[in-house]
PDB file of N, CA and C in Angstrom:
ATOM      1  N   UNK A   1      44.077 -38.785 -52.969  1.00  0.00           N
ATOM      2  CA  UNK A   1      43.159 -37.991 -52.175  1.00  0.00           C
ATOM      3  C   UNK A   1      41.841 -37.784 -52.909  1.00  0.00           C
ATOM      4  N   UNK A   2      41.924 -37.573 -54.228  1.00  0.00           N
ATOM      5  CA  UNK A   2      40.691 -37.347 -54.996  1.00  0.00           C
ATOM      6  C   UNK A   2      39.812 -38.596 -54.984  1.00  0.00           C
ATOM      7  N   UNK A   3      40.440 -39.760 -54.995  1.00  0.00           N
ATOM      8  CA  UNK A   3      39.688 -41.014 -54.983  1.00  0.00           C
ATOM      9  C   UNK A   3      38.919 -41.177 -53.686  1.00  0.00           C
ATOM     10  N   UNK A   4      39.543 -40.820 -52.578  1.00  0.00           N
ATOM     11  CA  UNK A   4      38.878 -40.907 -51.282  1.00  0.00           C
ATOM     12  C   UNK A   4      37.685 -39.959 -51.239  1.00  0.00           C
ATOM     13  N   UNK A   5      37.862 -38.748 -51.728  1.00  0.00           N
ATOM     14  CA  UNK A   5      36.754 -37.781 -51.751  1.00  0.00           C
ATOM     15  C   UNK A   5      35.623 -38.245 -52.660  1.00  0.00           C
ATOM     16  N   UNK A   6      35.965 -38.876 -53.770  1.00  0.00           N
ATOM     17  CA  UNK A   6      34.940 -39.393 -54.676  1.00  0.00           C
ATOM     18  C   UNK A   6      34.148 -40.525 -54.026  1.00  0.00           C
ATOM     19  N   UNK A   7      34.816 -41.384 -53.293  1.00  0.00           N
ATOM     20  CA  UNK A   7      34.129 -42.470 -52.597  1.00  0.00           C
ATOM     21  C   UNK A   7      33.222 -41.920 -51.505  1.00  0.00           C
ATOM     22  N   UNK A   8      33.686 -40.928 -50.772  1.00  0.00           N
ATOM     23  CA  UNK A   8      32.859 -40.303 -49.734  1.00  0.00           C
ATOM     24  C   UNK A   8      31.654 -39.609 -50.358  1.00  0.00           C
ATOM     25  N   UNK A   9      31.862 -38.899 -51.472  1.00  0.00           N
ATOM     26  CA  UNK A   9      30.765 -38.234 -52.166  1.00  0.00           C
ATOM     27  C   UNK A   9      29.757 -39.255 -52.687  1.00  0.00           C
ATOM     28  N   UNK A  10      30.234 -40.370 -53.253  1.00  0.00           N
ATOM     29  CA  UNK A  10      29.330 -41.397 -53.781  1.00  0.00           C
ATOM     30  C   UNK A  10      28.484 -41.997 -52.663  1.00  0.00           C
ATOM     31  N   UNK A  11      29.097 -42.290 -51.526  1.00  0.00           N
ATOM     32  CA  UNK A  11      28.354 -42.859 -50.402  1.00  0.00           C
ATOM     33  C   UNK A  11      27.347 -41.855 -49.843  1.00  0.00           C
ATOM     34  N   UNK A  12      27.760 -40.606 -49.684  1.00  0.00           N
ATOM     35  CA  UNK A  12      26.855 -39.582 -49.154  1.00  0.00           C
ATOM     36  C   UNK A  12      25.713 -39.297 -50.118  1.00  0.00           C
ATOM     37  N   UNK A  13      25.997 -39.275 -51.403  1.00  0.00           N
ATOM     38  CA  UNK A  13      24.934 -38.987 -52.366  1.00  0.00           C
ATOM     39  C   UNK A  13      23.965 -40.161 -52.479  1.00  0.00           C
ATOM     40  N   UNK A  14      24.449 -41.388 -52.354  1.00  0.00           N
ATOM     41  CA  UNK A  14      23.560 -42.560 -52.367  1.00  0.00           C
ATOM     42  C   UNK A  14      22.643 -42.532 -51.143  1.00  0.00           C
ATOM     43  N   UNK A  15      23.199 -42.224 -49.976  1.00  0.00           N
ATOM     44  CA  UNK A  15      22.399 -42.105 -48.761  1.00  0.00           C
ATOM     45  C   UNK A  15      21.366 -41.000 -48.918  1.00  0.00           C
ATOM     46  N   UNK A  16      21.785 -39.856 -49.467  1.00  0.00           N
ATOM     47  CA  UNK A  16      20.875 -38.725 -49.627  1.00  0.00           C
ATOM     48  C   UNK A  16      19.758 -39.043 -50.617  1.00  0.00           C
ATOM     49  N   UNK A  17      20.064 -39.781 -51.673  1.00  0.00           N
ATOM     50  CA  UNK A  17      19.036 -40.179 -52.630  1.00  0.00           C
ATOM     51  C   UNK A  17      17.990 -41.041 -51.945  1.00  0.00           C
ATOM     52  N   UNK A  18      18.434 -41.982 -51.124  1.00  0.00           N
ATOM     53  CA  UNK A  18      17.483 -42.812 -50.373  1.00  0.00           C
ATOM     54  C   UNK A  18      16.659 -41.970 -49.408  1.00  0.00           C
ATOM     55  N   UNK A  19      17.300 -41.041 -48.736  1.00  0.00           N
ATOM     56  CA  UNK A  19      16.622 -40.230 -47.716  1.00  0.00           C
ATOM     57  C   UNK A  19      15.606 -39.280 -48.343  1.00  0.00           C
ATOM     58  N   UNK A  20      15.949 -38.666 -49.466  1.00  0.00           N
ATOM     59  CA  UNK A  20      15.091 -37.633 -50.053  1.00  0.00           C
ATOM     60  C   UNK A  20      14.041 -38.227 -50.993  1.00  0.00           C
ATOM     61  N   UNK A  21      14.441 -39.127 -51.861  1.00  0.00           N
ATOM     62  CA  UNK A  21      13.537 -39.588 -52.916  1.00  0.00           C
ATOM     63  C   UNK A  21      12.812 -40.890 -52.596  1.00  0.00           C
ATOM     64  N   UNK A  22      13.426 -41.791 -51.834  1.00  0.00           N
ATOM     65  CA  UNK A  22      12.863 -43.123 -51.666  1.00  0.00           C
ATOM     66  C   UNK A  22      12.382 -43.429 -50.252  1.00  0.00           C
ATOM     67  N   UNK A  23      12.503 -42.506 -49.325  1.00  0.00           N
ATOM     68  CA  UNK A  23      12.094 -42.784 -47.955  1.00  0.00           C
ATOM     69  C   UNK A  23      10.574 -42.932 -47.878  1.00  0.00           C
ATOM     70  N   UNK A  24      10.128 -44.030 -47.299  1.00  0.00           N
ATOM     71  CA  UNK A  24       8.705 -44.260 -47.118  1.00  0.00           C
ATOM     72  C   UNK A  24       7.992 -44.739 -48.374  1.00  0.00           C
ATOM     73  N   UNK A  25       8.726 -45.162 -49.374  1.00  0.00           N
ATOM     74  CA  UNK A  25       8.114 -45.608 -50.622  1.00  0.00           C
ATOM     75  C   UNK A  25       8.482 -47.058 -50.890  1.00  0.00           C
ATOM     76  N   UNK A  26       7.596 -47.741 -51.582  1.00  0.00           N
ATOM     77  CA  UNK A  26       7.856 -49.108 -52.019  1.00  0.00           C
ATOM     78  C   UNK A  26       8.002 -49.065 -53.531  1.00  0.00           C
ATOM     79  N   UNK A  27       9.088 -49.609 -54.030  1.00  0.00           N
ATOM     80  CA  UNK A  27       9.320 -49.623 -55.474  1.00  0.00           C
ATOM     81  C   UNK A  27       9.519 -51.062 -55.938  1.00  0.00           C
ATOM     82  N   UNK A  28       9.086 -51.329 -57.156  1.00  0.00           N
ATOM     83  CA  UNK A  28       9.232 -52.652 -57.747  1.00  0.00           C
ATOM     84  C   UNK A  28       9.989 -52.521 -59.054  1.00  0.00           C
ATOM     85  N   UNK A  29      11.024 -53.283 -59.194  1.00  0.00           N
ATOM     86  CA  UNK A  29      11.791 -53.353 -60.427  1.00  0.00           C
ATOM     87  C   UNK A  29      11.988 -54.825 -60.772  1.00  0.00           C
ATOM     88  N   UNK A  30      12.067 -55.114 -62.044  1.00  0.00           N
ATOM     89  CA  UNK A  30      12.309 -56.500 -62.453  1.00  0.00           C
ATOM     90  C   UNK A  30      13.765 -56.906 -62.212  1.00  0.00           C
ATOM     91  N   UNK A  31      14.618 -55.938 -62.052  1.00  0.00           N
ATOM     92  CA  UNK A  31      16.037 -56.218 -61.822  1.00  0.00           C
ATOM     93  C   UNK A  31      16.550 -55.327 -60.694  1.00  0.00           C
ATOM     94  N   UNK A  32      17.180 -55.934 -59.711  1.00  0.00           N
ATOM     95  CA  UNK A  32      17.757 -55.153 -58.612  1.00  0.00           C
ATOM     96  C   UNK A  32      18.881 -54.263 -59.130  1.00  0.00           C
ATOM     97  N   UNK A  33      19.599 -54.748 -60.136  1.00  0.00           N
ATOM     98  CA  UNK A  33      20.690 -53.966 -60.717  1.00  0.00           C
ATOM     99  C   UNK A  33      20.176 -52.625 -61.246  1.00  0.00           C
ATOM    100  N   UNK A  34      19.039 -52.639 -61.930  1.00  0.00           N
ATOM    101  CA  UNK A  34      18.467 -51.404 -62.477  1.00  0.00           C
ATOM    102  C   UNK A  34      18.111 -50.444 -61.346  1.00  0.00           C
ATOM    103  N   UNK A  35      17.529 -50.972 -60.291  1.00  0.00           N
ATOM    104  CA  UNK A  35      17.121 -50.133 -59.162  1.00  0.00           C
ATOM    105  C   UNK A  35      18.328 -49.462 -58.498  1.00  0.00           C
ATOM    106  N   UNK A  36      19.333 -50.244 -58.163  1.00  0.00           N
ATOM    107  CA  UNK A  36      20.488 -49.684 -57.470  1.00  0.00           C
ATOM    108  C   UNK A  36      21.326 -48.787 -58.374  1.00  0.00           C
ATOM    109  N   UNK A  37      21.413 -49.116 -59.649  1.00  0.00           N
ATOM    110  CA  UNK A  37      22.168 -48.279 -60.576  1.00  0.00           C
ATOM    111  C   UNK A  37      21.459 -46.949 -60.785  1.00  0.00           C
ATOM    112  N   UNK A  38      20.130 -46.976 -60.841  1.00  0.00           N
ATOM    113  CA  UNK A  38      19.368 -45.732 -60.991  1.00  0.00           C
ATOM    114  C   UNK A  38      19.592 -44.832 -59.775  1.00  0.00           C
ATOM    115  N   UNK A  39      19.525 -45.403 -58.574  1.00  0.00           N
ATOM    116  CA  UNK A  39      19.766 -44.602 -57.376  1.00  0.00           C
ATOM    117  C   UNK A  39      21.192 -44.060 -57.345  1.00  0.00           C
ATOM    118  N   UNK A  40      22.157 -44.873 -57.748  1.00  0.00           N
ATOM    119  CA  UNK A  40      23.544 -44.433 -57.757  1.00  0.00           C
ATOM    120  C   UNK A  40      23.748 -43.284 -58.746  1.00  0.00           C
ATOM    121  N   UNK A  41      23.200 -43.417 -59.945  1.00  0.00           N
ATOM    122  CA  UNK A  41      23.384 -42.370 -60.963  1.00  0.00           C
ATOM    123  C   UNK A  41      22.662 -41.076 -60.586  1.00  0.00           C
ATOM    124  N   UNK A  42      21.458 -41.193 -60.029  1.00  0.00           N
ATOM    125  CA  UNK A  42      20.757 -39.993 -59.567  1.00  0.00           C
ATOM    126  C   UNK A  42      21.574 -39.316 -58.471  1.00  0.00           C
ATOM    127  N   UNK A  43      22.113 -40.113 -57.552  1.00  0.00           N
ATOM    128  CA  UNK A  43      22.931 -39.553 -56.479  1.00  0.00           C
ATOM    129  C   UNK A  43      24.180 -38.865 -56.996  1.00  0.00           C
ATOM    130  N   UNK A  44      24.845 -39.466 -57.967  1.00  0.00           N
ATOM    131  CA  UNK A  44      26.066 -38.864 -58.499  1.00  0.00           C
ATOM    132  C   UNK A  44      25.773 -37.579 -59.276  1.00  0.00           C
ATOM    133  N   UNK A  45      24.649 -37.534 -59.972  1.00  0.00           N
ATOM    134  CA  UNK A  45      24.327 -36.336 -60.757  1.00  0.00           C
ATOM    135  C   UNK A  45      23.775 -35.210 -59.896  1.00  0.00           C
ATOM    136  N   UNK A  46      22.928 -35.553 -58.918  1.00  0.00           N
ATOM    137  CA  UNK A  46      22.241 -34.523 -58.147  1.00  0.00           C
ATOM    138  C   UNK A  46      22.620 -34.526 -56.669  1.00  0.00           C
ATOM    139  N   UNK A  47      23.731 -35.155 -56.330  1.00  0.00           N
ATOM    140  CA  UNK A  47      24.171 -35.203 -54.943  1.00  0.00           C
ATOM    141  C   UNK A  47      24.452 -33.828 -54.365  1.00  0.00           C
ATOM    142  N   UNK A  48      24.882 -32.913 -55.203  1.00  0.00           N
ATOM    143  CA  UNK A  48      25.198 -31.558 -54.729  1.00  0.00           C
ATOM    144  C   UNK A  48      23.966 -30.883 -54.124  1.00  0.00           C
ATOM    145  N   UNK A  49      22.753 -31.255 -54.527  1.00  0.00           N
ATOM    146  CA  UNK A  49      21.548 -30.671 -53.934  1.00  0.00           C
ATOM    147  C   UNK A  49      20.866 -31.658 -52.987  1.00  0.00           C
ATOM    148  N   UNK A  50      20.979 -32.957 -53.242  1.00  0.00           N
ATOM    149  CA  UNK A  50      20.315 -33.946 -52.390  1.00  0.00           C
ATOM    150  C   UNK A  50      20.971 -34.067 -51.019  1.00  0.00           C
ATOM    151  N   UNK A  51      22.292 -33.939 -50.951  1.00  0.00           N
ATOM    152  CA  UNK A  51      22.987 -34.080 -49.666  1.00  0.00           C
ATOM    153  C   UNK A  51      22.559 -32.991 -48.673  1.00  0.00           C
ATOM    154  N   UNK A  52      22.537 -31.704 -49.046  1.00  0.00           N
ATOM    155  CA  UNK A  52      22.061 -30.705 -48.084  1.00  0.00           C
ATOM    156  C   UNK A  52      20.594 -30.896 -47.691  1.00  0.00           C
ATOM    157  N   UNK A  53      19.752 -31.298 -48.629  1.00  0.00           N
ATOM    158  CA  UNK A  53      18.334 -31.530 -48.311  1.00  0.00           C
ATOM    159  C   UNK A  53      18.204 -32.684 -47.319  1.00  0.00           C
ATOM    160  N   UNK A  54      18.954 -33.763 -47.527  1.00  0.00           N
ATOM    161  CA  UNK A  54      18.890 -34.907 -46.620  1.00  0.00           C
ATOM    162  C   UNK A  54      19.388 -34.541 -45.226  1.00  0.00           C
ATOM    163  N   UNK A  55      20.426 -33.742 -45.159  1.00  0.00           N
ATOM    164  CA  UNK A  55      20.932 -33.306 -43.852  1.00  0.00           C
ATOM    165  C   UNK A  55      19.896 -32.459 -43.142  1.00  0.00           C
ATOM    166  N   UNK A  56      19.240 -31.552 -43.864  1.00  0.00           N
ATOM    167  CA  UNK A  56      18.178 -30.744 -43.252  1.00  0.00           C
ATOM    168  C   UNK A  56      17.003 -31.606 -42.809  1.00  0.00           C
ATOM    169  N   UNK A  57      16.653 -32.626 -43.590  1.00  0.00           N
ATOM    170  CA  UNK A  57      15.584 -33.535 -43.186  1.00  0.00           C
ATOM    171  C   UNK A  57      15.946 -34.259 -41.902  1.00  0.00           C
ATOM    172  N   UNK A  58      17.204 -34.639 -41.742  1.00  0.00           N
ATOM    173  CA  UNK A  58      17.631 -35.312 -40.521  1.00  0.00           C
ATOM    174  C   UNK A  58      17.629 -34.357 -39.325  1.00  0.00           C
ATOM    175  N   UNK A  59      18.080 -33.146 -39.542  1.00  0.00           N
ATOM    176  CA  UNK A  59      18.141 -32.176 -38.444  1.00  0.00           C
ATOM    177  C   UNK A  59      16.751 -31.812 -37.951  1.00  0.00           C
ATOM    178  N   UNK A  60      15.856 -31.518 -38.873  1.00  0.00           N
ATOM    179  CA  UNK A  60      14.520 -31.055 -38.505  1.00  0.00           C
ATOM    180  C   UNK A  60      13.477 -32.158 -38.488  1.00  0.00           C
ATOM    181  N   UNK A  61      13.899 -33.414 -38.767  1.00  0.00           N
ATOM    182  CA  UNK A  61      12.993 -34.558 -38.793  1.00  0.00           C
ATOM    183  C   UNK A  61      11.771 -34.291 -39.662  1.00  0.00           C
ATOM    184  N   UNK A  62      12.019 -33.758 -40.856  1.00  0.00           N
ATOM    185  CA  UNK A  62      10.949 -33.455 -41.793  1.00  0.00           C
ATOM    186  C   UNK A  62      10.457 -34.761 -42.391  1.00  0.00           C
ATOM    187  N   UNK A  63       9.141 -35.007 -42.262  1.00  0.00           N
ATOM    188  CA  UNK A  63       8.541 -36.220 -42.806  1.00  0.00           C
ATOM    189  C   UNK A  63       7.775 -35.854 -44.060  1.00  0.00           C
ATOM    190  N   UNK A  64       7.853 -36.713 -45.059  1.00  0.00           N
ATOM    191  CA  UNK A  64       7.192 -36.421 -46.322  1.00  0.00           C
ATOM    192  C   UNK A  64       5.682 -36.624 -46.251  1.00  0.00           C
ATOM    193  N   UNK A  65       5.174 -37.178 -45.147  1.00  0.00           N
ATOM    194  CA  UNK A  65       3.749 -37.400 -45.034  1.00  0.00           C
ATOM    195  C   UNK A  65       3.310 -38.732 -45.592  1.00  0.00           C
ATOM    196  N   UNK A  66       4.246 -39.535 -46.044  1.00  0.00           N
ATOM    197  CA  UNK A  66       3.941 -40.844 -46.594  1.00  0.00           C
ATOM    198  C   UNK A  66       4.570 -41.916 -45.739  1.00  0.00           C
ATOM    199  N   UNK A  67       4.033 -43.094 -45.796  1.00  0.00           N
ATOM    200  CA  UNK A  67       4.656 -44.212 -45.116  1.00  0.00           C
ATOM    201  C   UNK A  67       3.999 -44.554 -43.796  1.00  0.00           C
ATOM    202  N   UNK A  68       4.647 -45.422 -43.054  1.00  0.00           N
ATOM    203  CA  UNK A  68       4.106 -45.969 -41.811  1.00  0.00           C
ATOM    204  C   UNK A  68       3.951 -44.893 -40.739  1.00  0.00           C
ATOM    205  N   UNK A  69       4.920 -43.995 -40.640  1.00  0.00           N
ATOM    206  CA  UNK A  69       4.841 -42.959 -39.593  1.00  0.00           C
ATOM    207  C   UNK A  69       3.629 -42.059 -39.803  1.00  0.00           C
ATOM    208  N   UNK A  70       3.263 -41.793 -41.046  1.00  0.00           N
ATOM    209  CA  UNK A  70       2.105 -40.945 -41.317  1.00  0.00           C
ATOM    210  C   UNK A  70       0.806 -41.676 -40.967  1.00  0.00           C
ATOM    211  N   UNK A  71       0.785 -42.972 -41.174  1.00  0.00           N
ATOM    212  CA  UNK A  71      -0.425 -43.755 -40.855  1.00  0.00           C
ATOM    213  C   UNK A  71      -0.613 -43.863 -39.354  1.00  0.00           C
ATOM    214  N   UNK A  72       0.482 -43.970 -38.620  1.00  0.00           N
ATOM    215  CA  UNK A  72       0.402 -44.133 -37.179  1.00  0.00           C
ATOM    216  C   UNK A  72      -0.034 -42.878 -36.441  1.00  0.00           C
ATOM    217  N   UNK A  73       0.015 -41.741 -37.081  1.00  0.00           N
ATOM    218  CA  UNK A  73      -0.347 -40.485 -36.409  1.00  0.00           C
ATOM    219  C   UNK A  73      -1.777 -40.413 -36.121  1.00  0.00           C
TER     220      UNK A  73
END
């Protein structure tokens, strides 16, 4: 049971990291492994705060003001 919860937490925290920190941004890394591992580790360490923030962003459609949607306004 703990393994299932850990997998769910890892997936939710990875999604939340993308939603909160990387949405609307372009990043360049010399290695894809470094990029994905960094997002995974940030999600695992700070998922407890990133997951609620990402859920609130989805509920209220909070836009960071960056990216294509901001240009189209």
